[in-house]
Protein backbone atom coordinates (compact mmCIF):
# COMPACT_ATOMS: atom_id res chain seq x y z
CA UNK A 1 -0.11 -0.49 0.07
CA UNK A 2 2.05 3.47 -0.74
CA UNK A 3 1.78 6.03 1.23
CA UNK A 4 -0.79 9.21 1.00
CA UNK A 5 1.97 11.39 -0.15
CA UNK A 6 3.37 9.34 -2.55
CA UNK A 7 -0.04 8.73 -4.44
CA UNK A 8 -0.60 12.18 -4.19
CA UNK A 9 2.83 12.97 -6.30
CA UNK A 10 1.59 9.86 -8.58
CA UNK A 11 -1.98 11.20 -9.76
CA UNK A 12 -0.17 14.54 -9.91
CA UNK A 13 2.17 13.77 -12.54
CA UNK A 14 -0.65 11.49 -14.56
CA UNK A 15 -2.65 14.72 -14.94
CA UNK A 16 -2.59 16.60 -18.41
CA UNK A 17 0.01 18.92 -17.16
CA UNK A 18 2.51 16.93 -17.98
CA UNK A 19 3.62 15.23 -21.45
CA UNK A 20 2.32 12.19 -23.12
CA UNK A 21 4.75 10.62 -22.45
CA UNK A 22 5.83 11.37 -19.24
CA UNK A 23 2.44 9.96 -18.05
CA UNK A 24 2.55 6.77 -20.04
CA UNK A 25 5.93 6.01 -18.24
CA UNK A 26 4.26 6.26 -14.78
CA UNK A 27 0.48 4.93 -15.72
CA UNK A 28 2.76 1.46 -16.97
CA UNK A 29 4.72 1.38 -13.35
CA UNK A 30 1.21 1.56 -11.84
CA UNK A 31 -0.49 -0.59 -14.14
CA UNK A 32 1.96 -3.63 -13.54
CA UNK A 33 1.41 -2.24 -9.63
CA UNK A 34 5.41 -1.26 -9.37
CA UNK A 35 5.33 -0.14 -6.48
CA UNK A 36 9.12 -0.18 -4.90
CA UNK A 37 9.76 1.41 -8.32
CA UNK A 38 7.27 3.89 -7.46
CA UNK A 39 8.09 4.37 -3.73
CA UNK A 40 11.54 4.68 -4.84
CA UNK A 41 10.80 7.69 -8.13
CA UNK A 42 8.43 9.54 -5.97
CA UNK A 43 9.10 9.55 -1.84
CA UNK A 44 11.35 12.16 -2.49
CA UNK A 45 12.67 15.25 -4.56
CA UNK A 46 16.53 15.17 -5.58
CA UNK A 47 18.81 16.99 -3.63
CA UNK A 48 21.83 19.32 -4.12
CA UNK A 49 24.65 16.79 -2.59
CA UNK A 50 28.05 17.61 -2.89
CA UNK A 51 27.82 17.67 -6.84
CA UNK A 52 24.64 19.12 -7.44
CA UNK A 53 22.03 17.45 -8.21
CA UNK A 54 22.42 13.51 -10.09
CA UNK A 55 20.35 11.17 -10.60
CA UNK A 56 18.27 8.25 -12.73
CA UNK A 57 16.83 9.74 -16.43
CA UNK A 58 13.36 8.58 -16.02
CA UNK A 59 9.73 10.07 -14.32
CA UNK A 60 9.33 11.32 -11.27
CA UNK A 61 9.82 13.37 -8.26
CA UNK A 62 13.29 11.60 -7.53
CA UNK A 63 14.65 11.34 -11.08
CA UNK A 64 16.18 13.89 -13.76
CA UNK A 65 13.49 14.76 -16.35
CA UNK A 66 12.61 18.16 -17.97
CA UNK A 67 10.09 18.55 -15.16
CA UNK A 68 13.02 18.26 -11.99
CA UNK A 69 15.42 20.07 -14.55
CA UNK A 70 12.73 22.63 -15.08
CA UNK A 71 12.06 23.17 -11.45
CA UNK A 72 16.03 23.18 -10.65
CA UNK A 73 16.38 25.73 -13.44
CA UNK A 74 13.62 28.57 -12.33
CA UNK A 75 14.87 27.48 -8.55
CA UNK A 76 18.02 29.19 -10.13
CA UNK A 77 16.51 31.62 -11.05
CA UNK A 78 14.43 33.22 -8.89
CA UNK A 79 17.70 32.60 -6.55
CA UNK A 80 19.41 35.05 -8.33
CA UNK A 81 17.12 37.89 -9.21
CA UNK A 82 17.05 38.28 -5.46
CA UNK A 83 19.99 38.01 -5.03
CA UNK A 84 21.68 40.39 -7.21
CA UNK A 85 20.02 42.91 -9.29
CA UNK A 86 22.83 42.68 -11.72
CA UNK A 87 21.60 39.03 -12.96
CA UNK A 88 19.91 39.33 -15.80
CA UNK A 89 22.69 41.63 -17.70
CA UNK A 90 25.93 39.10 -16.13
CA UNK A 91 23.77 35.81 -17.59
CA UNK A 92 24.20 32.43 -16.39
CA UNK A 93 26.64 29.63 -18.71
CA UNK A 94 25.76 26.81 -19.39
CA UNK A 95 28.01 23.77 -20.63
CA UNK A 96 26.34 20.81 -20.66
CA UNK A 97 28.26 16.72 -21.27
CA UNK A 98 27.60 13.29 -23.75
CA UNK A 99 25.16 11.79 -22.04
CA UNK A 100 21.58 10.92 -22.80
CA UNK A 101 19.17 14.21 -22.24
CA UNK A 102 22.24 16.41 -21.32
CA UNK A 103 21.85 18.84 -25.35
CA UNK A 104 17.50 18.88 -24.17
CA UNK A 105 18.23 19.73 -20.17
CA UNK A 106 21.07 22.71 -21.25
CA UNK A 107 18.23 23.84 -23.44
CA UNK A 108 15.45 23.67 -21.26
CA UNK A 109 17.56 25.91 -19.06
CA UNK A 110 18.55 27.97 -20.83
CA UNK A 111 14.66 28.46 -22.24
CA UNK A 112 13.89 29.37 -18.49
CA UNK A 113 16.57 31.62 -16.97
CA UNK A 114 15.63 33.52 -20.41
CA UNK A 115 11.52 33.87 -20.13
CA UNK A 116 12.86 35.25 -16.54
CA UNK A 117 14.83 37.94 -18.54
CA UNK A 118 18.75 36.40 -17.45
CA UNK A 119 20.88 36.23 -21.03
CA UNK A 120 22.39 32.73 -21.62
CA UNK A 121 25.90 31.75 -22.49
CA UNK A 122 25.28 28.50 -24.10
CA UNK A 123 28.33 26.42 -25.24
CA UNK A 124 27.40 24.78 -28.18
CA UNK A 125 28.74 21.46 -28.25
CA UNK A 126 29.55 19.70 -25.28
CA UNK A 127 31.56 21.16 -23.40
CA UNK A 128 33.81 20.10 -20.40
CA UNK A 129 33.13 20.77 -16.64
CA UNK A 130 36.86 22.93 -16.70
CA UNK A 131 35.66 25.43 -18.97
CA UNK A 132 32.35 26.06 -17.20
CA UNK A 133 33.57 27.21 -14.52
CA UNK A 134 36.49 29.13 -16.54
CA UNK A 135 33.75 30.70 -18.49
CA UNK A 136 32.11 31.79 -15.28
CA UNK A 137 34.69 34.00 -14.26
CA UNK A 138 35.84 35.09 -17.64
CA UNK A 139 32.38 35.70 -18.79
CA UNK A 140 31.56 37.57 -15.54
CA UNK A 141 28.25 35.75 -15.08
CA UNK A 142 26.78 35.31 -11.88
CA UNK A 143 26.09 31.84 -11.86
CA UNK A 144 27.11 28.69 -14.19
CA UNK A 145 24.87 25.39 -14.80
CA UNK A 146 26.88 22.26 -16.40
CA UNK A 147 24.53 19.48 -16.87
CA UNK A 148 26.67 16.45 -16.19
CA UNK A 149 26.54 13.27 -13.82
CA UNK A 150 30.04 12.72 -13.93
CA UNK A 151 31.57 9.06 -13.99
CA UNK A 152 28.13 7.46 -12.87
CA UNK A 153 26.16 5.16 -14.77
CA UNK A 154 24.27 5.76 -18.09
CA UNK A 155 21.47 5.46 -16.82
CA UNK A 156 22.08 8.75 -14.81
CA UNK A 157 22.76 12.25 -15.49
CA UNK A 158 23.17 15.33 -13.24
CA UNK A 159 22.96 19.19 -12.89
CA UNK A 160 25.94 20.83 -11.32
CA UNK A 161 25.58 24.03 -10.08
CA UNK A 162 27.75 27.00 -9.78
CA UNK A 163 28.00 30.72 -9.02
CA UNK A 164 29.83 33.58 -9.61
CA UNK A 165 33.65 32.56 -8.28
CA UNK A 166 33.65 29.61 -10.89
CA UNK A 167 32.93 27.21 -8.00
CA UNK A 168 30.34 24.57 -7.16
CA UNK A 169 27.43 26.53 -4.99
CA UNK A 170 27.81 26.86 -1.37
CA UNK A 171 26.84 28.25 1.53
CA UNK A 172 24.21 30.37 1.61
CA UNK A 173 23.76 29.63 -2.12
CA UNK A 174 23.03 26.54 -2.34
CA UNK A 175 20.76 26.70 0.49
CA UNK A 176 18.84 29.15 -0.78
CA UNK A 177 18.89 27.73 -4.44
CA UNK A 178 16.89 24.93 -3.03
CA UNK A 179 14.62 27.01 -0.62
CA UNK A 180 13.75 28.47 -4.19
CA UNK A 181 13.09 25.57 -5.69
CA UNK A 182 10.67 23.31 -3.10
CA UNK A 183 9.19 26.89 -2.77
CA UNK A 184 7.57 26.14 -6.53
CA UNK A 185 4.74 24.02 -5.85
CA UNK A 186 3.20 22.99 -9.41
CA UNK A 187 5.54 23.12 -12.59
CA UNK A 188 2.89 25.87 -14.25
CA UNK A 189 5.40 28.23 -12.23
CA UNK A 190 7.97 27.44 -14.32
CA UNK A 191 8.11 30.94 -17.05
CA UNK A 192 9.84 28.77 -20.83
CA UNK A 193 10.52 31.19 -23.93
CA UNK A 194 10.92 29.90 -27.63
CA UNK A 195 14.33 29.33 -28.38
CA UNK A 196 14.17 32.13 -31.43
CA UNK A 197 12.38 34.65 -28.86
CA UNK A 198 15.26 33.84 -26.67
CA UNK A 199 17.11 34.61 -29.45
CA UNK A 200 15.74 37.98 -31.07
CA UNK A 201 15.68 38.85 -27.75
CA UNK A 202 18.73 38.73 -27.02
CA UNK A 203 18.50 36.70 -24.36
CA UNK A 204 20.23 33.37 -25.69
CA UNK A 205 24.08 33.80 -26.58
CA UNK A 206 25.58 30.44 -28.53
CA UNK A 207 29.73 30.50 -27.35
CA UNK A 208 31.98 30.34 -29.80
CA UNK A 209 36.40 28.81 -29.49
CA UNK A 210 36.52 32.22 -27.90
CA UNK A 211 36.17 30.96 -24.10
CA UNK A 212 38.83 28.57 -25.12
CA UNK A 213 41.08 30.44 -26.28
CA UNK A 214 41.07 32.15 -23.44
CA UNK A 215 41.43 29.01 -21.39
CA UNK A 216 44.78 27.55 -23.58
CA UNK A 217 46.23 30.57 -23.14
CA UNK A 218 45.55 30.82 -19.33
CA UNK A 219 46.50 26.81 -19.17
CA UNK A 220 49.96 27.52 -21.63
CA UNK A 221 50.77 30.34 -19.05
CA UNK A 222 51.76 27.29 -16.33
CA UNK A 223 53.85 25.38 -18.03
CA UNK A 224 56.89 24.54 -16.11
CA UNK A 225 60.00 23.05 -18.38
CA UNK A 226 59.59 24.42 -21.06
CA UNK A 227 63.34 23.98 -22.06
CA UNK A 228 62.59 19.65 -20.87
CA UNK A 229 58.92 19.70 -23.46
CA UNK A 230 61.16 20.89 -26.61
CA UNK A 231 63.43 18.19 -26.05
CA UNK A 232 61.07 15.40 -25.40
CA UNK A 233 58.07 17.07 -27.98
CA UNK A 234 58.68 13.96 -30.13
CA UNK A 235 60.01 11.45 -27.28
CA UNK A 236 57.64 10.95 -25.36
CA UNK A 237 54.46 8.74 -26.41
CA UNK A 238 50.97 8.97 -24.62
CA UNK A 239 47.70 7.30 -25.68
CA UNK A 240 44.79 9.23 -24.57
CA UNK A 241 41.52 7.78 -24.24
CA UNK A 242 38.09 10.77 -23.70
CA UNK A 243 35.96 7.39 -22.13
CA UNK A 244 33.18 8.86 -24.80
CA UNK A 245 32.47 12.58 -22.68
CA UNK A 246 34.27 15.62 -23.40
CA UNK A 247 37.83 16.12 -23.10
CA UNK A 248 38.41 14.99 -26.23
CA UNK A 249 39.17 18.48 -28.00
CA UNK A 250 40.49 20.16 -25.22
CA UNK A 251 42.54 17.58 -23.62
CA UNK A 252 44.40 16.87 -27.06
CA UNK A 253 44.65 20.41 -28.53
CA UNK A 254 46.27 21.24 -24.61
CA UNK A 255 48.36 19.02 -24.56
CA UNK A 256 49.59 19.80 -28.48
CA UNK A 257 49.87 23.54 -27.83
CA UNK A 258 51.02 22.59 -24.41
CA UNK A 259 54.21 20.62 -26.71
CA UNK A 260 53.68 16.90 -27.13
CA UNK A 261 53.37 15.93 -30.43
CA UNK A 262 53.01 12.21 -29.80
CA UNK A 263 49.37 11.54 -28.41
CA UNK A 264 46.99 9.22 -29.41
CA UNK A 265 43.60 8.38 -29.47
CA UNK A 266 41.37 5.24 -28.97
CA UNK A 267 39.51 5.44 -31.15
CA UNK A 268 36.15 2.98 -29.81
CA UNK A 269 36.54 6.04 -27.45
CA UNK A 270 37.42 9.01 -28.75
CA UNK A 271 33.33 9.82 -29.75
CA UNK A 272 31.00 10.57 -27.21
CA UNK A 273 28.49 7.68 -26.55
CA UNK A 274 25.54 8.05 -23.96
CA UNK A 275 25.84 4.76 -23.35
CA UNK A 276 29.27 4.42 -23.04
CA UNK A 277 29.38 0.86 -25.24
CA UNK A 278 33.23 0.23 -24.41
CA UNK A 279 33.91 0.30 -20.52
CA UNK A 280 31.20 -0.89 -17.20
CA UNK A 281 31.00 2.63 -15.79
CA UNK A 282 33.13 5.85 -17.61
CA UNK A 283 35.37 5.94 -14.64
CA UNK A 284 39.17 6.47 -14.48
CA UNK A 285 38.89 5.47 -11.42
CA UNK A 286 38.64 1.33 -12.33
CA UNK A 287 41.10 -0.03 -14.16
CA UNK A 288 38.44 -1.81 -16.45
CA UNK A 289 37.88 1.66 -17.58
CA UNK A 290 42.02 1.94 -19.01
CA UNK A 291 41.98 -1.43 -20.31
CA UNK A 292 40.96 -0.37 -24.03
CA UNK A 293 43.98 2.50 -23.68
CA UNK A 294 46.74 0.44 -21.96
CA UNK A 295 45.87 -2.77 -25.34
CA UNK A 296 46.75 0.62 -27.16
CA UNK A 297 49.63 1.83 -25.22
CA UNK A 298 51.09 -2.23 -25.12
CA UNK A 299 51.16 -2.08 -28.54
CA UNK A 300 52.64 1.17 -29.23
CA UNK A 301 55.58 0.96 -27.23
CA UNK A 302 54.11 4.56 -24.91
CA UNK A 303 55.07 5.77 -22.30
CA UNK A 304 52.19 6.94 -20.73
CA UNK A 305 48.00 6.38 -20.28
CA UNK A 306 45.52 9.15 -19.63
CA UNK A 307 42.31 8.62 -19.40
CA UNK A 308 39.44 11.41 -18.39
CA UNK A 309 35.93 10.92 -17.34
CA UNK A 310 32.86 12.21 -19.45
CA UNK A 311 32.89 15.52 -17.88
CA UNK A 312 36.81 16.38 -17.51
CA UNK A 313 37.24 16.89 -14.29
CA UNK A 314 39.24 13.91 -13.30
CA UNK A 315 42.18 12.24 -15.26
CA UNK A 316 43.23 8.35 -14.10
CA UNK A 317 46.91 7.12 -15.61
CA UNK A 318 49.27 4.43 -16.24
CA UNK A 319 52.74 4.27 -16.69
CA UNK A 320 54.86 2.11 -18.76
CA UNK A 321 57.62 0.48 -16.02
CA UNK A 322 60.70 0.37 -18.77
CA UNK A 323 59.05 -3.81 -19.15
CA UNK A 324 56.22 -2.01 -21.57
CA UNK A 325 53.48 -3.86 -18.74
CA UNK A 326 51.73 -0.68 -17.29
CA UNK A 327 51.12 0.54 -13.85
CA UNK A 328 47.92 1.92 -12.82
CA UNK A 329 48.93 4.43 -9.89
CA UNK A 330 46.21 6.32 -8.28
CA UNK A 331 44.48 9.70 -7.10
CA UNK A 332 47.28 10.23 -3.60
CA UNK A 333 50.10 9.20 -6.13
CA UNK A 334 49.31 11.45 -8.67
CA UNK A 335 48.78 13.72 -6.13
CA UNK A 336 51.85 13.38 -4.20
CA UNK A 337 54.28 13.73 -7.29
CA UNK A 338 52.30 16.54 -9.10
CA UNK A 339 52.58 18.22 -5.66
CA UNK A 340 56.11 16.87 -5.41
CA UNK A 341 57.37 18.18 -8.85
CA UNK A 342 55.65 21.96 -8.77
CA UNK A 343 57.40 22.75 -5.04
CA UNK A 344 60.49 21.41 -6.43
CA UNK A 345 60.73 23.71 -9.29
CA UNK A 346 59.22 26.79 -8.09
CA UNK A 347 61.73 26.55 -5.01
CA UNK A 348 64.39 26.86 -7.90
CA UNK A 349 62.78 29.64 -9.70
CA UNK A 350 62.45 31.39 -6.50
CA UNK A 351 58.62 31.03 -6.94
CA UNK A 352 57.71 29.96 -3.41
CA UNK A 353 57.37 31.82 -0.31
CA UNK A 354 55.62 31.92 3.34
CA UNK A 355 51.85 32.49 2.05
CA UNK A 356 52.67 29.26 -0.60
CA UNK A 357 49.45 27.35 0.00
CA UNK A 358 48.32 23.40 -1.35
CA UNK A 359 44.86 21.88 -0.54
CA UNK A 360 43.32 18.79 0.17
CA UNK A 361 40.32 17.07 1.72
CA UNK A 362 40.26 15.40 4.49
CA UNK A 363 40.25 11.78 3.09
CA UNK A 364 43.02 12.67 0.95
CA UNK A 365 46.53 11.29 1.70
CA UNK A 366 49.14 12.79 4.60
CA UNK A 367 51.81 12.67 2.35
CA UNK A 368 51.14 15.50 1.28
CA UNK A 369 52.56 16.63 5.33
CA UNK A 370 56.09 16.22 4.78
CA UNK A 371 56.81 16.93 1.29
CA UNK A 372 55.24 21.06 2.02
CA UNK A 373 57.16 20.94 5.22
CA UNK A 374 60.63 20.60 3.80
CA UNK A 375 59.66 23.31 1.32
CA UNK A 376 58.13 25.50 3.80
CA UNK A 377 54.74 25.38 2.35
CA UNK A 378 51.47 25.77 4.02
CA UNK A 379 49.33 23.20 4.22
CA UNK A 380 45.16 23.12 4.61
CA UNK A 381 42.50 20.52 4.62
CA UNK A 382 38.86 20.53 3.71
CA UNK A 383 35.56 19.09 3.67
CA UNK A 384 35.60 16.47 0.86
CA UNK A 385 34.14 17.93 -2.13
CA UNK A 386 36.49 20.29 -4.80
CA UNK A 387 34.50 23.14 -3.79
CA UNK A 388 35.69 23.47 -0.48
CA UNK A 389 38.98 23.46 -2.04
CA UNK A 390 37.90 26.40 -4.10
CA UNK A 391 36.30 28.55 -1.44
CA UNK A 392 39.78 28.36 0.26
CA UNK A 393 40.72 30.05 -3.15
CA UNK A 394 37.91 32.62 -3.72
CA UNK A 395 38.50 33.87 0.26
CA UNK A 396 42.53 33.92 -0.27
CA UNK A 397 42.84 35.78 -3.89
CA UNK A 398 39.63 37.40 -4.31
CA UNK A 399 38.62 38.13 -0.96
CA UNK A 400 41.65 39.01 1.02
CA UNK A 401 43.77 40.08 -2.11
CA UNK A 402 46.37 37.39 -1.96
CA UNK A 403 46.57 36.27 1.71
CA UNK A 404 47.90 33.16 1.12
CA UNK A 405 49.07 32.17 -2.00
CA UNK A 406 47.28 28.68 -3.82
CA UNK A 407 49.84 26.51 -5.74
CA UNK A 408 47.55 23.53 -6.93
CA UNK A 409 44.91 21.51 -4.52
CA UNK A 410 43.93 17.71 -4.84
CA UNK A 411 42.00 14.80 -3.97
CA UNK A 412 42.43 11.29 -3.60
CA UNK A 413 39.39 10.77 -6.06
CA UNK A 414 41.85 12.08 -9.58
CA UNK A 415 40.85 15.45 -8.79
CA UNK A 416 43.56 18.00 -8.95
CA UNK A 417 43.86 21.82 -9.73
CA UNK A 418 46.66 24.24 -10.71
CA UNK A 419 46.46 27.35 -10.83
CA UNK A 420 43.13 29.92 -9.73
CA UNK A 421 41.56 30.76 -12.82
CA UNK A 422 39.34 27.53 -12.79
CA UNK A 423 37.46 26.35 -8.99
CA UNK A 424 36.71 23.44 -10.13
CA UNK A 425 39.05 20.01 -10.37
CA UNK A 426 40.80 20.15 -14.41
CA UNK A 427 41.65 17.00 -16.36
CA UNK A 428 42.55 19.64 -19.05
CA UNK A 429 45.96 20.89 -17.31
CA UNK A 430 46.52 17.70 -14.26
CA UNK A 431 46.87 15.69 -17.75
CA UNK A 432 48.87 18.14 -19.26
CA UNK A 433 51.32 18.45 -16.05
CA UNK A 434 51.74 14.96 -15.73
CA UNK A 435 53.34 14.36 -19.06
CA UNK A 436 55.16 17.22 -18.25
CA UNK A 437 56.99 15.30 -15.72
CA UNK A 438 56.41 12.64 -17.32
CA UNK A 439 58.71 13.98 -20.07
CA UNK A 440 61.20 15.28 -17.23
CA UNK A 441 61.53 11.84 -16.25
CA UNK A 442 61.95 10.12 -19.36
CA UNK A 443 64.85 12.60 -20.50
CA UNK A 444 66.54 11.56 -17.22
CA UNK A 445 65.78 7.92 -17.86
CA UNK A 446 63.44 7.40 -15.59
CA UNK A 447 59.73 6.94 -15.18
CA UNK A 448 57.11 8.27 -13.35
CA UNK A 449 56.98 4.86 -10.99
CA UNK A 450 61.22 5.71 -10.10
CA UNK A 451 60.71 9.35 -9.19
CA UNK A 452 57.68 8.68 -6.76
CA UNK A 453 59.50 6.35 -5.34
CA UNK A 454 62.18 8.73 -4.05
CA UNK A 455 59.48 10.92 -3.19
CA UNK A 456 58.73 7.35 -1.14
CA UNK A 457 62.19 7.22 0.43
CA UNK A 458 63.09 10.82 1.52
CA UNK A 459 59.58 10.93 2.72
CA UNK A 460 58.20 8.12 4.20
CA UNK A 461 55.88 4.99 2.46
CA UNK A 462 51.95 6.29 2.32
CA UNK A 463 49.41 3.73 0.96
CA UNK A 464 45.70 4.17 1.04
CA UNK A 465 42.73 2.36 0.06
CA UNK A 466 38.88 2.62 -0.63
CA UNK A 467 36.39 0.01 0.11
CA UNK A 468 32.89 1.14 -0.77
CA UNK A 469 28.68 -0.41 0.10
CA UNK A 470 25.85 1.02 -2.34
CA UNK A 471 22.99 0.71 -0.74
CA UNK A 472 20.01 2.74 -3.02
CA UNK A 473 16.17 3.41 -2.57
CA UNK A 474 14.87 4.93 1.15
CA UNK A 475 16.62 1.56 2.64
CA UNK A 476 19.71 2.47 0.98
CA UNK A 477 19.47 5.79 3.40
CA UNK A 478 18.17 3.87 6.50
CA UNK A 479 21.24 1.75 6.51
CA UNK A 480 23.61 4.00 5.49
CA UNK A 481 22.59 6.42 8.40
CA UNK A 482 22.55 3.36 10.86
CA UNK A 483 26.45 2.09 10.09
CA UNK A 484 27.65 5.37 10.65
CA UNK A 485 24.81 5.96 14.18
CA UNK A 486 26.25 2.74 15.34
CA UNK A 487 29.71 3.90 15.20
CA UNK A 488 29.22 7.13 16.45
CA UNK A 489 27.41 5.77 19.69
CA UNK A 490 29.36 2.55 19.70
CA UNK A 491 33.25 3.43 18.32
CA UNK A 492 35.63 0.59 18.28
CA UNK A 493 38.60 0.55 21.40
CA UNK A 494 40.99 -1.67 18.64
CA UNK A 495 41.24 -2.26 14.48
CA UNK A 496 42.86 -5.80 13.87
CA UNK A 497 44.13 -5.58 17.61
CA UNK A 498 46.08 -2.20 17.57
CA UNK A 499 44.26 0.01 19.87
CA UNK A 500 42.13 3.19 18.05
CA UNK A 501 43.90 6.38 19.70
CA UNK A 502 42.40 9.14 18.29
CA UNK A 503 38.44 9.59 17.13
CA UNK A 504 37.83 12.63 14.81
CA UNK A 505 34.26 13.18 14.24
CA UNK A 506 33.26 16.24 11.75
CA UNK A 507 29.51 16.53 12.14
CA UNK A 508 30.04 17.03 15.85
CA UNK A 509 33.25 19.18 14.86
CA UNK A 510 35.28 17.35 17.56
CA UNK A 511 39.34 15.14 17.95
CA UNK A 512 39.32 13.27 20.92
CA UNK A 513 42.67 12.10 22.01
CA UNK A 514 42.02 9.03 23.49
CA UNK A 515 45.56 8.43 25.54
CA UNK A 516 45.50 12.26 27.03
CA UNK A 517 42.04 12.46 27.44
CA UNK A 518 41.90 15.72 25.50
CA UNK A 519 39.62 17.16 23.24
CA UNK A 520 39.98 19.50 20.67
CA UNK A 521 37.40 21.55 18.82
CA UNK A 522 37.91 21.07 14.79
CA UNK A 523 37.28 23.86 12.85
CA UNK A 524 35.26 22.50 9.78
CA UNK A 525 31.82 22.65 9.04
CA UNK A 526 29.13 20.44 9.90
CA UNK A 527 29.79 17.09 7.87
CA UNK A 528 29.20 13.29 8.79
CA UNK A 529 32.77 12.46 8.23
CA UNK A 530 34.34 9.61 10.83
CA UNK A 531 38.12 9.16 10.84
CA UNK A 532 39.74 6.82 13.81
CA UNK A 533 43.45 6.76 14.21
CA UNK A 534 45.51 4.06 15.20
CA UNK A 535 48.17 3.54 17.09
CA UNK A 536 50.59 1.73 14.46
CA UNK A 537 49.96 4.63 11.80
CA UNK A 538 46.70 2.90 10.44
CA UNK A 539 43.68 5.29 10.00
CA UNK A 540 40.28 4.60 8.27
CA UNK A 541 37.23 7.03 7.76
CA UNK A 542 33.56 6.64 7.05
CA UNK A 543 31.81 9.21 5.22
CA UNK A 544 28.42 8.66 3.09
CA UNK A 545 29.00 9.72 -0.44
CA UNK A 546 27.10 13.32 -1.78
CA UNK A 547 26.61 12.04 -5.16
CA UNK A 548 25.53 7.96 -5.27
CA UNK A 549 23.90 5.96 -3.02
CA UNK A 550 27.00 4.77 -1.19
CA UNK A 551 29.17 4.89 2.26
CA UNK A 552 32.78 4.80 1.93
CA UNK A 553 35.11 3.67 3.94
CA UNK A 554 39.24 5.01 3.31
CA UNK A 555 42.08 2.98 5.00
CA UNK A 556 45.14 4.59 5.29
CA UNK A 557 48.81 3.00 6.37
CA UNK A 558 51.91 4.76 6.76
CA UNK A 559 55.64 3.50 7.17
CA UNK A 560 58.67 6.22 8.30
CA UNK A 561 61.61 3.96 8.04
CA UNK A 562 64.49 4.88 5.67
CA UNK A 563 66.44 1.92 7.10
CA UNK A 564 64.56 -0.96 5.20
CA UNK A 565 64.45 -2.08 1.52
CA UNK A 566 61.67 -0.16 0.13
CA UNK A 567 60.13 -2.96 -2.01
CA UNK A 568 60.07 -4.76 2.08
CA UNK A 569 58.39 -1.83 3.31
CA UNK A 570 56.08 -1.83 0.49
CA UNK A 571 55.08 -5.28 0.98
CA UNK A 572 54.69 -5.01 4.55
CA UNK A 573 52.30 -1.77 4.32
CA UNK A 574 49.96 -3.51 1.81
CA UNK A 575 50.39 -6.51 4.14
CA UNK A 576 48.60 -4.23 7.11
CA UNK A 577 46.54 -2.03 5.05
CA UNK A 578 44.44 -5.18 3.29
CA UNK A 579 44.64 -6.59 7.54
CA UNK A 580 43.21 -3.31 8.61
CA UNK A 581 40.38 -3.30 5.92
CA UNK A 582 39.34 -7.18 6.37
CA UNK A 583 39.77 -6.21 10.07
CA UNK A 584 37.38 -2.96 9.72
CA UNK A 585 34.67 -4.52 6.83
CA UNK A 586 34.10 -7.27 9.16
CA UNK A 587 33.06 -4.76 11.59
CA UNK A 588 30.71 -2.90 9.10
CA UNK A 589 28.81 -5.66 8.46
CA UNK A 590 28.01 -6.56 12.16
CA UNK A 591 25.77 -3.28 11.92
CA UNK A 592 24.55 -3.41 9.02
């Protein structure tokens, strides 16, 4: 038996206010008595998470469709008109990726903004997320939207909202937009005009290549070792795959201008494909997603594989170990060698000072700490989500006139940013830097793997891992909350027979040292994140995902002993990490 509020929503969506296709989709579920699916589609409305709105495409309040997107667009329009009197003339810029309905959702949003008197700038073709972030600041718009579901499966789409600083919305804007969306009680409140009228009235402008060219110019200014790039332009061989997404043009163009002539694209994954037919998931964190690229790289004895996700804000890599075997590196490893490379060269160029800053998320590697200490670079931690890194850049560069100088930021989930003209993770620029580092290594007769080992030998060996549980629907949300509540109310005294010595609870804004019994207040916004620190250098963090029906468990282990052979240290580290993961996941299963 369906709850009354769900029945009311279903009947509304069966009314003449909705198009025939939508009504037919809902009616079939009703006729089939598919209560589980109806509940999942209507028990809630899509909400903004760490990445905006994201959901399965289909009819219903908990689905991505022209009506939920329409409500989001109208809510954004209502909010910006109330919060900034100049928003009509400043406008909103819109980008979209290669997913199903992305172009439809993009144009619908533009026409809703136009109907509210707000000028819309829309990219003519699918576009990478970092260029959307850049365009907001370049065009001085009040906000921006990118229609994407990043690396989610093909049945998903999403809607990421940005504000005038070029970053994804944060308080108070996110709450303000959500409130405005919730205040829309009927789809009849959603305004819209035709494309022709919007063009005729100057309220819709399609963007040409001017934004891309401005972006490329800024990106090229970041190059460091131009001498090496000139020497190695025909030596370094790269295989690149956009995984059917938006990276194909900007990544290849930027690599070319950066100085790399030997870049080969994976032909089967070059063109946009909303169904991502050659991969299980278009996620560069998954080794399977790089399999075709690695196959091509082996056949052509290439040095490096680069793979960007569909909206091109994250990049995964694989490195030739010198035996034509390709080793995949994770986001923490890339963040580490990217940071060290920039620190090393900036130090030589006298570009570092007491204000120099690197920012990482709280679930990313702690190896950055000893590296930054040697180069006298400040390290700051923020909550998971690149928008929190962007928030600090905005504070230090825009509001406080470079009170701190941002060099780069990174997160373990394959997101990196160098420079401050983009305010989100940027796989285009990251790809170019990774290639530059690979070129310098090759010039020295080494690989990135050798470079990473040198870092471990100097600063200690750090190894990280991730486990996650996918728990869908209302029942899944309840289970995820139950797990977090259980660990919060009854924390383990030890994990894998190793004593827990400290607990950090971001939701409760405190860190408790279990040895000294001292408690410290955390300077983080409240978030449902728990971290356990172990006596042997182990670390476990629990965090529900903000964009997927998952709870994630982050594991870390470090060994600071340079007397042992590095390969032995790596083996010990892996064994300890595996034991930590196995032991903790048993505790998780007991609490489900």
